[in-house]
Amino acid sequence: MLSVKNLIDTYSLTADDITQILDTAASFESVNNRAIKKVPALRGRTVVNLFLEPSTRTKSSFELAEKRLSADSLSMGGNTSSVVKGESLADTIQTISAMNVDMFVCRAKLAGTPQRITENTDAVVINAGDGKHQHPTQAMLDLYTIRKNFGHLDGLKVAVVGDLAHSRVCGSLAPALKTMGAEVTLVGPPTFQVDDPDWFGCPQTASLDDVIEDMDVVYMLRVQLERMEGAAIPSRREYNRLYGLDVTRVNRMKPSAIICHPGPMNRGMEINADVADCAHSRILDQVNAGVLTRMAEMYLLLGGENNGLSA
């Protein structure tokens, strides 16, 4: 089992924790590919999906993972949450916990919400993305995709490119990659750069063209238009010219290099349509890995049955 009770951020995960998640996810590949995609690993366990922020990929990925593990699940969020009616988050969590649920999966606009949930329940909590803070399950699916492609993570050179300042993906992926021995470079325009790159322990540059030829992985971040709070940005065309991944830049990449993106994509802004679908792209592999790694995380955190993987 993992060294943590809850999955709130990637800083709390050791290299052994991450390896265990990735290895367990790999063991679920056969389940995901067969006709009957279900094992009894979490039969009788109850998972509450509390999505206080809109989500398509993450929410559907968790719901599929829960079904494939045979868990009972309840999805709440938006207008179905009592928080909308004025009830405090603490009261909502305590009320649901009184129904003897085993896990909360929380997505929230406000950073720190999953941590607050842990203070009001004994159930396991997974952070499915909180504000600009963290998105640890996204980082795990990214690492799974990269490791599956190269067979390892140690020593790989990864450029995380784009809207660094507003990205919870960057905040969780960069430290996870470093924990596993990868070399991370942050790339973005000055208005999108992080204030303290030393906190990440990664070099930061404003020039994608200066580093792209050396990278094994080019990870393009979505421009977080909804989180910018008035931040100055160039036009879409100018951003694409300076920081977008187009065919010209792809042709300068190593033949073995891959492209990743957390989705949804702003095609024509941070990534061009022909590049998103090219041979270097592993974007759909990331989507598939999301189900596998979330199955692994829930299985490990809830102490699934030993025979649950093969039944």
C-alpha atoms as a PDB file:
ATOM      1  CA  MET A   1       0.000   0.000   0.000  1.00  0.00           C
ATOM      2  CA  LEU A   2       0.991   3.647  -0.342  1.00  0.00           C
ATOM      3  CA  SER A   3       2.771   5.662   2.345  1.00  0.00           C
ATOM      4  CA  VAL A   4      -0.047   8.259   2.314  1.00  0.00           C
ATOM      5  CA  LYS A   5      -3.668   7.893   3.426  1.00  0.00           C
ATOM      6  CA  ASN A   6      -4.975  10.545   1.009  1.00  0.00           C
ATOM      7  CA  LEU A   7      -3.832  11.653  -2.450  1.00  0.00           C
ATOM      8  CA  ILE A   8      -3.775  15.438  -2.136  1.00  0.00           C
ATOM      9  CA  ASP A   9      -0.561  16.424  -3.931  1.00  0.00           C
ATOM     10  CA  THR A  10       2.484  14.882  -5.567  1.00  0.00           C
ATOM     11  CA  TYR A  11       4.972  16.335  -3.081  1.00  0.00           C
ATOM     12  CA  SER A  12       3.821  13.788  -0.504  1.00  0.00           C
ATOM     13  CA  LEU A  13       4.496  10.831  -2.802  1.00  0.00           C
ATOM     14  CA  THR A  14       7.795   8.986  -2.665  1.00  0.00           C
ATOM     15  CA  ALA A  15       9.417   7.373  -5.689  1.00  0.00           C
ATOM     16  CA  ASP A  16       8.246   4.014  -4.304  1.00  0.00           C
ATOM     17  CA  ASP A  17       4.667   5.330  -4.075  1.00  0.00           C
ATOM     18  CA  ILE A  18       4.708   6.523  -7.680  1.00  0.00           C
ATOM     19  CA  THR A  19       6.269   3.293  -8.908  1.00  0.00           C
ATOM     20  CA  GLN A  20       3.628   1.282  -7.062  1.00  0.00           C
ATOM     21  CA  ILE A  21       0.820   3.318  -8.661  1.00  0.00           C
ATOM     22  CA  LEU A  22       2.307   2.921 -12.145  1.00  0.00           C
ATOM     23  CA  ASP A  23       2.983  -0.806 -11.715  1.00  0.00           C
ATOM     24  CA  THR A  24      -0.521  -1.425 -10.358  1.00  0.00           C
ATOM     25  CA  ALA A  25      -2.013   0.545 -13.246  1.00  0.00           C
ATOM     26  CA  ALA A  26      -0.075  -1.650 -15.673  1.00  0.00           C
ATOM     27  CA  SER A  27      -1.609  -4.719 -14.044  1.00  0.00           C
ATOM     28  CA  PHE A  28      -5.054  -3.316 -14.860  1.00  0.00           C
ATOM     29  CA  GLU A  29      -4.277  -2.989 -18.585  1.00  0.00           C
ATOM     30  CA  SER A  30      -5.605  -6.478 -19.310  1.00  0.00           C
ATOM     31  CA  VAL A  31      -8.852  -5.616 -17.509  1.00  0.00           C
ATOM     32  CA  ASN A  32      -9.250  -2.451 -19.539  1.00  0.00           C
ATOM     33  CA  ASN A  33      -8.769  -4.297 -22.831  1.00  0.00           C
ATOM     34  CA  ARG A  34     -10.988  -7.325 -22.363  1.00  0.00           C
ATOM     35  CA  ALA A  35     -14.671  -7.697 -23.243  1.00  0.00           C
ATOM     36  CA  ILE A  36     -15.894  -7.721 -19.620  1.00  0.00           C
ATOM     37  CA  LYS A  37     -14.076  -4.747 -18.081  1.00  0.00           C
ATOM     38  CA  LYS A  38     -14.745  -5.420 -14.407  1.00  0.00           C
ATOM     39  CA  VAL A  39     -13.013  -6.911 -11.358  1.00  0.00           C
ATOM     40  CA  PRO A  40     -14.374  -7.238  -7.791  1.00  0.00           C
ATOM     41  CA  ALA A  41     -11.419  -5.404  -6.232  1.00  0.00           C
ATOM     42  CA  LEU A  42     -13.528  -2.714  -4.495  1.00  0.00           C
ATOM     43  CA  ARG A  43     -16.852  -4.517  -4.307  1.00  0.00           C
ATOM     44  CA  GLY A  44     -18.861  -3.135  -1.379  1.00  0.00           C
ATOM     45  CA  ARG A  45     -16.835   0.076  -1.166  1.00  0.00           C
ATOM     46  CA  THR A  46     -18.575   3.428  -1.700  1.00  0.00           C
ATOM     47  CA  VAL A  47     -16.963   6.346  -3.530  1.00  0.00           C
ATOM     48  CA  VAL A  48     -18.450   9.863  -3.640  1.00  0.00           C
ATOM     49  CA  ASN A  49     -17.499  11.991  -6.647  1.00  0.00           C
ATOM     50  CA  LEU A  50     -17.819  15.578  -5.411  1.00  0.00           C
ATOM     51  CA  PHE A  51     -17.201  17.746  -8.463  1.00  0.00           C
ATOM     52  CA  LEU A  52     -17.657  21.382  -7.504  1.00  0.00           C
ATOM     53  CA  GLU A  53     -16.072  22.515 -10.776  1.00  0.00           C
ATOM     54  CA  PRO A  54     -17.079  21.409 -14.293  1.00  0.00           C
ATOM     55  CA  SER A  55     -15.151  18.444 -15.641  1.00  0.00           C
ATOM     56  CA  THR A  56     -15.544  15.983 -18.477  1.00  0.00           C
ATOM     57  CA  ARG A  57     -12.373  13.920 -18.788  1.00  0.00           C
ATOM     58  CA  THR A  58     -11.503  13.589 -15.109  1.00  0.00           C
ATOM     59  CA  LYS A  59     -15.057  12.925 -13.932  1.00  0.00           C
ATOM     60  CA  SER A  60     -15.853  10.339 -16.588  1.00  0.00           C
ATOM     61  CA  SER A  61     -12.453   8.706 -16.055  1.00  0.00           C
ATOM     62  CA  PHE A  62     -13.072   8.302 -12.322  1.00  0.00           C
ATOM     63  CA  GLU A  63     -16.603   7.015 -12.874  1.00  0.00           C
ATOM     64  CA  LEU A  64     -15.367   4.382 -15.325  1.00  0.00           C
ATOM     65  CA  ALA A  65     -12.531   3.399 -12.970  1.00  0.00           C
ATOM     66  CA  GLU A  66     -15.001   2.951 -10.102  1.00  0.00           C
ATOM     67  CA  LYS A  67     -17.306   0.801 -12.198  1.00  0.00           C
ATOM     68  CA  ARG A  68     -14.449  -1.390 -13.392  1.00  0.00           C
ATOM     69  CA  LEU A  69     -13.393  -1.958  -9.781  1.00  0.00           C
ATOM     70  CA  SER A  70     -17.013  -2.840  -8.844  1.00  0.00           C
ATOM     71  CA  ALA A  71     -17.269   0.033  -6.354  1.00  0.00           C
ATOM     72  CA  ASP A  72     -20.582   1.695  -5.563  1.00  0.00           C
ATOM     73  CA  SER A  73     -20.409   5.366  -6.532  1.00  0.00           C
ATOM     74  CA  LEU A  74     -22.405   8.524  -6.017  1.00  0.00           C
ATOM     75  CA  SER A  75     -21.770  11.611  -8.135  1.00  0.00           C
ATOM     76  CA  MET A  76     -22.503  15.072  -6.732  1.00  0.00           C
ATOM     77  CA  GLY A  77     -21.696  18.567  -7.891  1.00  0.00           C
ATOM     78  CA  GLY A  78     -23.001  21.699  -9.480  1.00  0.00           C
ATOM     79  CA  ASN A  79     -26.632  22.295  -8.612  1.00  0.00           C
ATOM     80  CA  THR A  80     -26.941  18.923  -6.850  1.00  0.00           C
ATOM     81  CA  SER A  81     -24.581  19.945  -4.038  1.00  0.00           C
ATOM     82  CA  SER A  82     -25.918  21.395  -0.796  1.00  0.00           C
ATOM     83  CA  VAL A  83     -22.982  23.813  -0.868  1.00  0.00           C
ATOM     84  CA  VAL A  84     -24.907  25.689  -3.569  1.00  0.00           C
ATOM     85  CA  LYS A  85     -27.798  26.085  -1.120  1.00  0.00           C
ATOM     86  CA  GLY A  86     -25.574  27.755   1.464  1.00  0.00           C
ATOM     87  CA  GLU A  87     -24.504  24.736   3.508  1.00  0.00           C
ATOM     88  CA  SER A  88     -20.853  24.846   4.552  1.00  0.00           C
ATOM     89  CA  LEU A  89     -18.461  22.414   2.954  1.00  0.00           C
ATOM     90  CA  ALA A  90     -17.694  20.964   6.390  1.00  0.00           C
ATOM     91  CA  ASP A  91     -21.383  20.266   7.036  1.00  0.00           C
ATOM     92  CA  THR A  92     -21.803  18.672   3.624  1.00  0.00           C
ATOM     93  CA  ILE A  93     -18.816  16.365   4.116  1.00  0.00           C
ATOM     94  CA  GLN A  94     -19.829  15.414   7.650  1.00  0.00           C
ATOM     95  CA  THR A  95     -23.361  14.637   6.479  1.00  0.00           C
ATOM     96  CA  ILE A  96     -22.204  12.399   3.647  1.00  0.00           C
ATOM     97  CA  SER A  97     -19.592  10.762   5.878  1.00  0.00           C
ATOM     98  CA  ALA A  98     -22.364   9.812   8.309  1.00  0.00           C
ATOM     99  CA  MET A  99     -23.625   7.504   5.538  1.00  0.00           C
ATOM    100  CA  ASN A 100     -20.428   5.457   5.959  1.00  0.00           C
ATOM    101  CA  VAL A 101     -18.813   6.197   2.606  1.00  0.00           C
ATOM    102  CA  ASP A 102     -15.239   5.078   2.007  1.00  0.00           C
ATOM    103  CA  MET A 103     -13.797   7.708  -0.321  1.00  0.00           C
ATOM    104  CA  PHE A 104     -14.300  11.245  -1.624  1.00  0.00           C
ATOM    105  CA  VAL A 105     -12.992  12.266  -5.046  1.00  0.00           C
ATOM    106  CA  CYS A 106     -13.034  16.064  -5.073  1.00  0.00           C
ATOM    107  CA  ARG A 107     -12.696  18.601  -7.883  1.00  0.00           C
ATOM    108  CA  ALA A 108     -12.918  22.245  -6.796  1.00  0.00           C
ATOM    109  CA  LYS A 109     -12.268  25.785  -8.013  1.00  0.00           C
ATOM    110  CA  LEU A 110     -10.737  26.785  -4.681  1.00  0.00           C
ATOM    111  CA  ALA A 111      -7.226  25.584  -3.880  1.00  0.00           C
ATOM    112  CA  GLY A 112      -7.066  23.670  -0.622  1.00  0.00           C
ATOM    113  CA  THR A 113     -10.600  22.245  -0.746  1.00  0.00           C
ATOM    114  CA  PRO A 114      -9.536  18.565  -0.761  1.00  0.00           C
ATOM    115  CA  GLN A 115      -7.307  19.205   2.263  1.00  0.00           C
ATOM    116  CA  ARG A 116     -10.258  20.787   4.080  1.00  0.00           C
ATOM    117  CA  ILE A 117     -12.308  17.693   3.323  1.00  0.00           C
ATOM    118  CA  THR A 118      -9.723  15.489   5.044  1.00  0.00           C
ATOM    119  CA  GLU A 119     -10.290  17.539   8.214  1.00  0.00           C
ATOM    120  CA  ASN A 120     -13.987  16.640   8.262  1.00  0.00           C
ATOM    121  CA  THR A 121     -14.020  12.938   7.418  1.00  0.00           C
ATOM    122  CA  ASP A 122     -12.236   9.684   8.136  1.00  0.00           C
ATOM    123  CA  ALA A 123     -12.848   8.572   4.549  1.00  0.00           C
ATOM    124  CA  VAL A 124     -10.013   8.547   2.011  1.00  0.00           C
ATOM    125  CA  VAL A 125      -9.763  11.725  -0.113  1.00  0.00           C
ATOM    126  CA  ILE A 126      -8.406  12.038  -3.642  1.00  0.00           C
ATOM    127  CA  ASN A 127      -7.731  15.462  -5.117  1.00  0.00           C
ATOM    128  CA  ALA A 128      -9.118  15.535  -8.666  1.00  0.00           C
ATOM    129  CA  GLY A 129      -7.877  19.099  -9.202  1.00  0.00           C
ATOM    130  CA  ASP A 130      -8.118  22.145  -6.938  1.00  0.00           C
ATOM    131  CA  GLY A 131      -7.802  25.625  -8.410  1.00  0.00           C
ATOM    132  CA  LYS A 132      -4.264  26.496  -9.485  1.00  0.00           C
ATOM    133  CA  HIS A 133      -2.818  24.191  -6.827  1.00  0.00           C
ATOM    134  CA  GLN A 134      -2.516  20.499  -7.718  1.00  0.00           C
ATOM    135  CA  HIS A 135      -3.875  17.739  -9.953  1.00  0.00           C
ATOM    136  CA  PRO A 136      -1.998  14.635  -8.754  1.00  0.00           C
ATOM    137  CA  THR A 137      -4.045  12.051 -10.656  1.00  0.00           C
ATOM    138  CA  GLN A 138      -3.287  13.893 -13.905  1.00  0.00           C
ATOM    139  CA  ALA A 139       0.419  13.729 -13.064  1.00  0.00           C
ATOM    140  CA  MET A 140       0.215   9.975 -12.513  1.00  0.00           C
ATOM    141  CA  LEU A 141      -1.443   9.329 -15.873  1.00  0.00           C
ATOM    142  CA  ASP A 142       1.175  11.530 -17.523  1.00  0.00           C
ATOM    143  CA  LEU A 143       4.006   9.599 -15.894  1.00  0.00           C
ATOM    144  CA  TYR A 144       2.378   6.317 -16.861  1.00  0.00           C
ATOM    145  CA  THR A 145       2.144   7.416 -20.500  1.00  0.00           C
ATOM    146  CA  ILE A 146       5.747   8.601 -20.590  1.00  0.00           C
ATOM    147  CA  ARG A 147       7.122   5.523 -18.805  1.00  0.00           C
ATOM    148  CA  LYS A 148       5.189   3.174 -21.079  1.00  0.00           C
ATOM    149  CA  ASN A 149       6.667   4.895 -24.125  1.00  0.00           C
ATOM    150  CA  PHE A 150      10.305   4.968 -22.969  1.00  0.00           C
ATOM    151  CA  GLY A 151      10.349   2.122 -20.434  1.00  0.00           C
ATOM    152  CA  HIS A 152      11.696   4.439 -17.728  1.00  0.00           C
ATOM    153  CA  LEU A 153      11.518   7.995 -16.373  1.00  0.00           C
ATOM    154  CA  ASP A 154      14.972   8.497 -14.904  1.00  0.00           C
ATOM    155  CA  GLY A 155      17.133  10.819 -16.986  1.00  0.00           C
ATOM    156  CA  LEU A 156      14.444  11.872 -19.457  1.00  0.00           C
ATOM    157  CA  LYS A 157      14.373  15.531 -20.470  1.00  0.00           C
ATOM    158  CA  VAL A 158      10.896  17.030 -20.281  1.00  0.00           C
ATOM    159  CA  ALA A 159       9.793  20.523 -21.329  1.00  0.00           C
ATOM    160  CA  VAL A 160       6.573  21.739 -19.714  1.00  0.00           C
ATOM    161  CA  VAL A 161       5.436  24.499 -22.044  1.00  0.00           C
ATOM    162  CA  GLY A 162       2.900  27.306 -21.843  1.00  0.00           C
ATOM    163  CA  ASP A 163       0.668  28.741 -19.138  1.00  0.00           C
ATOM    164  CA  LEU A 164       2.834  27.788 -16.171  1.00  0.00           C
ATOM    165  CA  ALA A 165       1.468  30.319 -13.694  1.00  0.00           C
ATOM    166  CA  HIS A 166      -2.170  29.220 -13.848  1.00  0.00           C
ATOM    167  CA  SER A 167      -1.624  25.481 -14.288  1.00  0.00           C
ATOM    168  CA  ARG A 168      -2.279  22.938 -11.538  1.00  0.00           C
ATOM    169  CA  VAL A 169      -0.967  20.343 -14.002  1.00  0.00           C
ATOM    170  CA  CYS A 170       2.454  21.989 -13.932  1.00  0.00           C
ATOM    171  CA  GLY A 171       2.295  22.226 -10.136  1.00  0.00           C
ATOM    172  CA  SER A 172       1.831  18.485  -9.778  1.00  0.00           C
ATOM    173  CA  LEU A 173       3.685  17.119 -12.818  1.00  0.00           C
ATOM    174  CA  ALA A 174       7.012  18.936 -12.374  1.00  0.00           C
ATOM    175  CA  PRO A 175       7.688  17.668  -8.818  1.00  0.00           C
ATOM    176  CA  ALA A 176       6.518  14.145  -9.695  1.00  0.00           C
ATOM    177  CA  LEU A 177       8.875  13.984 -12.664  1.00  0.00           C
ATOM    178  CA  LYS A 178      11.752  15.238 -10.523  1.00  0.00           C
ATOM    179  CA  THR A 179      10.993  12.629  -7.854  1.00  0.00           C
ATOM    180  CA  MET A 180      11.377   9.976 -10.557  1.00  0.00           C
ATOM    181  CA  GLY A 181      14.692  11.374 -11.794  1.00  0.00           C
ATOM    182  CA  ALA A 182      13.579  13.269 -14.899  1.00  0.00           C
ATOM    183  CA  GLU A 183      15.050  16.645 -15.872  1.00  0.00           C
ATOM    184  CA  VAL A 184      12.308  19.263 -16.185  1.00  0.00           C
ATOM    185  CA  THR A 185      12.513  22.613 -17.971  1.00  0.00           C
ATOM    186  CA  LEU A 186       9.692  25.146 -17.630  1.00  0.00           C
ATOM    187  CA  VAL A 187       8.982  27.134 -20.804  1.00  0.00           C
ATOM    188  CA  GLY A 188       6.580  30.040 -21.127  1.00  0.00           C
ATOM    189  CA  PRO A 189       6.133  33.728 -21.932  1.00  0.00           C
ATOM    190  CA  PRO A 190       7.134  36.125 -19.138  1.00  0.00           C
ATOM    191  CA  THR A 191       3.491  36.802 -18.200  1.00  0.00           C
ATOM    192  CA  PHE A 192       2.882  33.062 -17.762  1.00  0.00           C
ATOM    193  CA  GLN A 193       6.054  32.111 -15.902  1.00  0.00           C
ATOM    194  CA  VAL A 194       6.089  30.989 -12.264  1.00  0.00           C
ATOM    195  CA  ASP A 195       7.236  33.575  -9.741  1.00  0.00           C
ATOM    196  CA  ASP A 196       9.715  31.271  -8.021  1.00  0.00           C
ATOM    197  CA  PRO A 197      11.179  28.571 -10.290  1.00  0.00           C
ATOM    198  CA  ASP A 198      13.599  27.631  -7.505  1.00  0.00           C
ATOM    199  CA  TRP A 199      10.597  26.348  -5.560  1.00  0.00           C
ATOM    200  CA  PHE A 200      10.015  23.858  -8.372  1.00  0.00           C
ATOM    201  CA  GLY A 201      13.735  23.210  -8.623  1.00  0.00           C
ATOM    202  CA  CYS A 202      13.557  23.554 -12.409  1.00  0.00           C
ATOM    203  CA  PRO A 203      15.183  25.968 -14.853  1.00  0.00           C
ATOM    204  CA  GLN A 204      12.774  28.352 -16.585  1.00  0.00           C
ATOM    205  CA  THR A 205      13.084  29.937 -20.006  1.00  0.00           C
ATOM    206  CA  ALA A 206      11.019  32.105 -22.336  1.00  0.00           C
ATOM    207  CA  SER A 207      12.291  30.396 -25.501  1.00  0.00           C
ATOM    208  CA  LEU A 208      10.802  27.094 -26.679  1.00  0.00           C
ATOM    209  CA  ASP A 209      13.032  27.114 -29.752  1.00  0.00           C
ATOM    210  CA  ASP A 210      16.182  27.107 -27.592  1.00  0.00           C
ATOM    211  CA  VAL A 211      15.325  23.823 -25.872  1.00  0.00           C
ATOM    212  CA  ILE A 212      13.004  21.814 -28.105  1.00  0.00           C
ATOM    213  CA  GLU A 213      15.738  19.856 -29.905  1.00  0.00           C
ATOM    214  CA  ASP A 214      17.078  18.419 -26.628  1.00  0.00           C
ATOM    215  CA  MET A 215      13.758  17.231 -25.193  1.00  0.00           C
ATOM    216  CA  ASP A 216      12.443  13.678 -24.957  1.00  0.00           C
ATOM    217  CA  VAL A 217       8.973  14.908 -23.997  1.00  0.00           C
ATOM    218  CA  VAL A 218       7.299  18.160 -25.006  1.00  0.00           C
ATOM    219  CA  TYR A 219       4.344  18.653 -22.684  1.00  0.00           C
ATOM    220  CA  MET A 220       2.038  21.409 -23.929  1.00  0.00           C
ATOM    221  CA  LEU A 221      -0.156  23.020 -21.288  1.00  0.00           C
ATOM    222  CA  ARG A 222      -3.619  24.330 -22.054  1.00  0.00           C
ATOM    223  CA  VAL A 223      -3.843  28.118 -21.840  1.00  0.00           C
ATOM    224  CA  GLN A 224      -6.048  28.636 -18.773  1.00  0.00           C
ATOM    225  CA  LEU A 225      -8.201  31.458 -20.120  1.00  0.00           C
ATOM    226  CA  GLU A 226     -10.732  30.994 -17.294  1.00  0.00           C
ATOM    227  CA  ARG A 227      -8.135  31.426 -14.520  1.00  0.00           C
ATOM    228  CA  MET A 228      -6.181  34.421 -15.770  1.00  0.00           C
ATOM    229  CA  GLU A 229      -7.863  37.138 -13.713  1.00  0.00           C
ATOM    230  CA  GLY A 230      -6.949  39.802 -16.244  1.00  0.00           C
ATOM    231  CA  ALA A 231      -3.410  38.607 -16.975  1.00  0.00           C
ATOM    232  CA  ALA A 232      -1.917  40.133 -20.112  1.00  0.00           C
ATOM    233  CA  ILE A 233      -1.561  37.684 -22.990  1.00  0.00           C
ATOM    234  CA  PRO A 234      -0.665  38.126 -26.624  1.00  0.00           C
ATOM    235  CA  SER A 235      -3.239  37.426 -29.315  1.00  0.00           C
ATOM    236  CA  ARG A 236      -3.976  33.780 -30.113  1.00  0.00           C
ATOM    237  CA  ARG A 237      -2.001  34.132 -33.335  1.00  0.00           C
ATOM    238  CA  GLU A 238       1.005  35.692 -31.599  1.00  0.00           C
ATOM    239  CA  TYR A 239       0.945  33.109 -28.817  1.00  0.00           C
ATOM    240  CA  ASN A 240       0.830  30.333 -31.394  1.00  0.00           C
ATOM    241  CA  ARG A 241       3.734  31.860 -33.324  1.00  0.00           C
ATOM    242  CA  LEU A 242       5.989  32.086 -30.266  1.00  0.00           C
ATOM    243  CA  TYR A 243       4.895  29.125 -28.142  1.00  0.00           C
ATOM    244  CA  GLY A 244       2.558  26.965 -30.198  1.00  0.00           C
ATOM    245  CA  LEU A 245       3.631  23.516 -31.306  1.00  0.00           C
ATOM    246  CA  ASP A 246       3.489  23.430 -35.096  1.00  0.00           C
ATOM    247  CA  VAL A 247       4.944  21.134 -37.736  1.00  0.00           C
ATOM    248  CA  THR A 248       8.105  23.230 -38.064  1.00  0.00           C
ATOM    249  CA  ARG A 249       8.906  22.793 -34.373  1.00  0.00           C
ATOM    250  CA  VAL A 250       7.921  19.109 -34.418  1.00  0.00           C
ATOM    251  CA  ASN A 251      10.411  18.528 -37.240  1.00  0.00           C
ATOM    252  CA  ARG A 252      13.151  19.861 -34.950  1.00  0.00           C
ATOM    253  CA  MET A 253      12.307  17.393 -32.180  1.00  0.00           C
ATOM    254  CA  LYS A 254      14.188  14.148 -31.645  1.00  0.00           C
ATOM    255  CA  PRO A 255      12.739  11.329 -33.780  1.00  0.00           C
ATOM    256  CA  SER A 256      11.965   9.447 -30.551  1.00  0.00           C
ATOM    257  CA  ALA A 257      10.436  12.442 -28.726  1.00  0.00           C
ATOM    258  CA  ILE A 258       6.770  12.470 -27.787  1.00  0.00           C
ATOM    259  CA  ILE A 259       4.103  15.144 -27.343  1.00  0.00           C
ATOM    260  CA  CYS A 260       1.682  15.258 -24.407  1.00  0.00           C
ATOM    261  CA  HIS A 261      -1.224  17.550 -23.507  1.00  0.00           C
ATOM    262  CA  PRO A 262      -3.636  17.326 -20.536  1.00  0.00           C
ATOM    263  CA  GLY A 263      -6.692  18.393 -22.564  1.00  0.00           C
ATOM    264  CA  PRO A 264      -8.936  19.929 -23.534  1.00  0.00           C
ATOM    265  CA  MET A 265      -6.819  21.397 -26.314  1.00  0.00           C
ATOM    266  CA  ASN A 266      -7.008  24.933 -27.666  1.00  0.00           C
ATOM    267  CA  ARG A 267      -6.199  23.839 -31.206  1.00  0.00           C
ATOM    268  CA  GLY A 268      -4.468  26.598 -33.113  1.00  0.00           C
ATOM    269  CA  MET A 269      -3.225  28.224 -29.933  1.00  0.00           C
ATOM    270  CA  GLU A 270      -0.878  26.044 -27.877  1.00  0.00           C
ATOM    271  CA  ILE A 271      -0.987  23.168 -30.363  1.00  0.00           C
ATOM    272  CA  ASN A 272      -1.898  22.924 -34.030  1.00  0.00           C
ATOM    273  CA  ALA A 273      -4.459  20.387 -35.214  1.00  0.00           C
ATOM    274  CA  ASP A 274      -2.063  18.459 -37.452  1.00  0.00           C
ATOM    275  CA  VAL A 275       0.441  18.174 -34.590  1.00  0.00           C
ATOM    276  CA  ALA A 276      -2.159  16.947 -32.088  1.00  0.00           C
ATOM    277  CA  ASP A 277      -2.821  13.974 -34.349  1.00  0.00           C
ATOM    278  CA  CYS A 278       0.732  13.287 -35.542  1.00  0.00           C
ATOM    279  CA  ALA A 279       2.877  10.214 -34.869  1.00  0.00           C
ATOM    280  CA  HIS A 280       4.702  11.904 -31.967  1.00  0.00           C
ATOM    281  CA  SER A 281       1.437  12.571 -30.117  1.00  0.00           C
ATOM    282  CA  ARG A 282       0.527  10.482 -27.073  1.00  0.00           C
ATOM    283  CA  ILE A 283      -2.539  12.539 -26.144  1.00  0.00           C
ATOM    284  CA  LEU A 284      -5.071   9.720 -26.585  1.00  0.00           C
ATOM    285  CA  ASP A 285      -2.720   7.372 -24.726  1.00  0.00           C
ATOM    286  CA  GLN A 286      -2.934   9.799 -21.808  1.00  0.00           C
ATOM    287  CA  VAL A 287      -6.733   9.558 -21.840  1.00  0.00           C
ATOM    288  CA  ASN A 288      -6.564   5.765 -21.711  1.00  0.00           C
ATOM    289  CA  ALA A 289      -3.949   5.894 -18.946  1.00  0.00           C
ATOM    290  CA  GLY A 290      -6.299   8.037 -16.862  1.00  0.00           C
ATOM    291  CA  VAL A 291      -8.673   5.141 -16.245  1.00  0.00           C
ATOM    292  CA  LEU A 292      -5.835   2.743 -15.421  1.00  0.00           C
ATOM    293  CA  THR A 293      -3.997   5.016 -12.994  1.00  0.00           C
ATOM    294  CA  ARG A 294      -7.187   6.090 -11.227  1.00  0.00           C
ATOM    295  CA  MET A 295      -8.137   2.454 -10.805  1.00  0.00           C
ATOM    296  CA  ALA A 296      -4.704   1.884  -9.275  1.00  0.00           C
ATOM    297  CA  GLU A 297      -4.932   4.870  -6.931  1.00  0.00           C
ATOM    298  CA  MET A 298      -8.337   3.904  -5.576  1.00  0.00           C
ATOM    299  CA  TYR A 299      -7.343   0.261  -5.276  1.00  0.00           C
ATOM    300  CA  LEU A 300      -4.180   1.065  -3.315  1.00  0.00           C
ATOM    301  CA  LEU A 301      -5.716   3.739  -1.081  1.00  0.00           C
ATOM    302  CA  LEU A 302      -8.700   1.567  -0.172  1.00  0.00           C
ATOM    303  CA  GLY A 303      -6.641  -1.578   0.357  1.00  0.00           C
ATOM    304  CA  GLY A 304      -8.331  -3.640  -2.319  1.00  0.00           C
ATOM    305  CA  GLU A 305      -8.674  -7.395  -2.055  1.00  0.00           C
ATOM    306  CA  ASN A 306      -5.523  -9.317  -2.924  1.00  0.00           C
ATOM    307  CA  ASN A 307      -7.355 -11.382  -5.491  1.00  0.00           C
ATOM    308  CA  GLY A 308      -9.180  -8.403  -6.956  1.00  0.00           C
ATOM    309  CA  LEU A 309      -6.882  -7.984  -9.935  1.00  0.00           C
ATOM    310  CA  SER A 310      -7.434 -11.369 -11.506  1.00  0.00           C
ATOM    311  CA  ALA A 311     -11.009 -12.253 -10.647  1.00  0.00           C
END
